[in-house]
């Protein structure tokens, strides 16, 4: 099972990957939105922002998110690490329910290019 620190590192790596992306992926990630990533097996939530193609983690809280962010992710820590390391395909994980992504319709339409 991934640790909280391994999940934090994975989110940093995801941020670096988004910042280095080109074309449609870069434009899809160029939102300015609040973001939460709930790690279900650790019962923690990372809060932050997706801004200019980067994810900035602002805090970590025990349990479910206190406020509803504009973009909400939920998954196990192992799935987060596997996705960032390229061992788990986001679209397949999302389609199978291993990863949950919630956002407004417009944001979902933009984020679909990341899938």
Protein backbone atom coordinates (compact mmCIF):
# COMPACT_ATOMS: atom_id res chain seq x y z
CA UNK A 1 0.00 0.00 0.00
CA UNK A 2 1.34 3.43 -0.99
CA UNK A 3 2.09 5.87 1.81
CA UNK A 4 0.88 9.46 2.12
CA UNK A 5 4.36 10.67 1.16
CA UNK A 6 4.45 8.42 -1.93
CA UNK A 7 1.07 9.84 -2.96
CA UNK A 8 2.33 13.40 -2.44
CA UNK A 9 5.37 12.61 -4.62
CA UNK A 10 3.10 11.07 -7.27
CA UNK A 11 0.94 14.22 -7.36
CA UNK A 12 4.13 16.28 -7.81
CA UNK A 13 5.22 14.03 -10.66
CA UNK A 14 1.75 14.32 -12.22
CA UNK A 15 2.06 18.09 -11.98
CA UNK A 16 5.44 17.96 -13.73
CA UNK A 17 4.00 15.71 -16.46
CA UNK A 18 1.09 18.10 -17.07
CA UNK A 19 3.41 21.12 -17.13
CA UNK A 20 5.64 19.42 -19.71
CA UNK A 21 2.78 18.26 -21.94
CA UNK A 22 2.12 19.72 -25.35
CA UNK A 23 -0.86 20.30 -27.63
CA UNK A 24 -4.32 19.26 -26.50
CA UNK A 25 -3.16 17.86 -23.18
CA UNK A 26 -1.48 21.13 -22.27
CA UNK A 27 -4.53 23.20 -23.16
CA UNK A 28 -6.85 20.81 -21.29
CA UNK A 29 -4.73 21.12 -18.15
CA UNK A 30 -4.55 24.93 -18.41
CA UNK A 31 -7.58 25.39 -16.17
CA UNK A 32 -7.71 27.40 -12.96
CA UNK A 33 -9.76 25.21 -10.63
CA UNK A 34 -9.81 23.99 -7.06
CA UNK A 35 -8.89 20.31 -6.83
CA UNK A 36 -9.16 17.48 -4.34
CA UNK A 37 -7.62 14.04 -4.58
CA UNK A 38 -9.05 11.60 -2.07
CA UNK A 39 -6.89 8.57 -1.38
CA UNK A 40 -9.51 6.07 -0.36
CA UNK A 41 -7.36 3.36 1.23
CA UNK A 42 -5.44 5.88 3.36
CA UNK A 43 -8.57 7.92 4.18
CA UNK A 44 -6.84 11.22 3.37
CA UNK A 45 -7.60 14.04 0.97
CA UNK A 46 -5.07 16.27 -0.75
CA UNK A 47 -6.44 19.72 -1.54
CA UNK A 48 -4.98 22.17 -3.99
CA UNK A 49 -5.35 23.90 -7.32
CA UNK A 50 -4.92 23.04 -10.96
CA UNK A 51 -3.45 26.25 -12.33
CA UNK A 52 -1.60 27.00 -15.57
CA UNK A 53 -1.09 23.31 -16.23
CA UNK A 54 0.32 22.54 -12.77
CA UNK A 55 -1.10 20.96 -9.65
CA UNK A 56 -0.25 22.73 -6.42
CA UNK A 57 -0.98 20.70 -3.29
CA UNK A 58 -1.96 23.10 -0.54
CA UNK A 59 -2.86 20.75 2.31
CA UNK A 60 -3.68 17.22 3.39
CA UNK A 61 -6.67 16.36 5.56
CA UNK A 62 -7.84 13.15 7.18
CA UNK A 63 -11.06 11.74 5.78
CA UNK A 64 -13.29 13.04 3.04
CA UNK A 65 -12.90 16.56 1.67
CA UNK A 66 -14.54 19.25 3.79
CA UNK A 67 -15.50 21.45 0.84
CA UNK A 68 -16.53 20.51 -2.65
CA UNK A 69 -13.72 21.32 -5.08
CA UNK A 70 -14.38 22.11 -8.73
CA UNK A 71 -12.43 18.99 -9.78
CA UNK A 72 -12.60 15.93 -7.54
CA UNK A 73 -10.56 12.74 -7.88
CA UNK A 74 -10.81 9.61 -5.74
CA UNK A 75 -8.68 6.45 -5.97
CA UNK A 76 -6.41 4.19 -3.97
CA UNK A 77 -2.85 5.29 -3.31
CA UNK A 78 -1.48 2.35 -5.29
CA UNK A 79 -3.62 3.34 -8.30
CA UNK A 80 -2.37 6.94 -8.13
CA UNK A 81 1.26 5.81 -8.05
CA UNK A 82 0.66 3.26 -10.84
CA UNK A 83 -1.03 5.84 -13.09
CA UNK A 84 1.73 8.39 -12.66
CA UNK A 85 4.37 5.70 -13.29
CA UNK A 86 2.60 4.70 -16.52
CA UNK A 87 1.59 1.25 -15.22
CA UNK A 88 -2.16 2.00 -15.11
CA UNK A 89 -4.11 3.68 -17.91
CA UNK A 90 -6.31 6.49 -16.54
CA UNK A 91 -9.13 5.95 -19.04
CA UNK A 92 -9.37 2.23 -18.29
CA UNK A 93 -9.17 2.83 -14.53
CA UNK A 94 -11.89 5.49 -14.79
CA UNK A 95 -14.11 3.29 -16.96
CA UNK A 96 -13.79 0.38 -14.52
CA UNK A 97 -14.55 2.57 -11.49
CA UNK A 98 -11.09 2.29 -9.92
CA UNK A 99 -10.70 6.04 -10.36
CA UNK A 100 -13.49 8.53 -9.87
CA UNK A 101 -13.43 11.95 -11.53
CA UNK A 102 -16.11 14.51 -10.81
CA UNK A 103 -16.29 18.01 -12.25
CA UNK A 104 -18.68 20.36 -14.00
CA UNK A 105 -19.74 19.45 -17.53
CA UNK A 106 -17.50 22.04 -19.21
CA UNK A 107 -14.47 20.91 -17.20
CA UNK A 108 -15.19 17.26 -17.96
CA UNK A 109 -15.34 18.07 -21.67
CA UNK A 110 -11.94 19.76 -21.48
CA UNK A 111 -10.42 17.10 -19.25
CA UNK A 112 -11.54 14.27 -21.53
CA UNK A 113 -8.53 14.98 -23.77
CA UNK A 114 -6.36 13.90 -20.84
CA UNK A 115 -7.96 10.46 -21.05
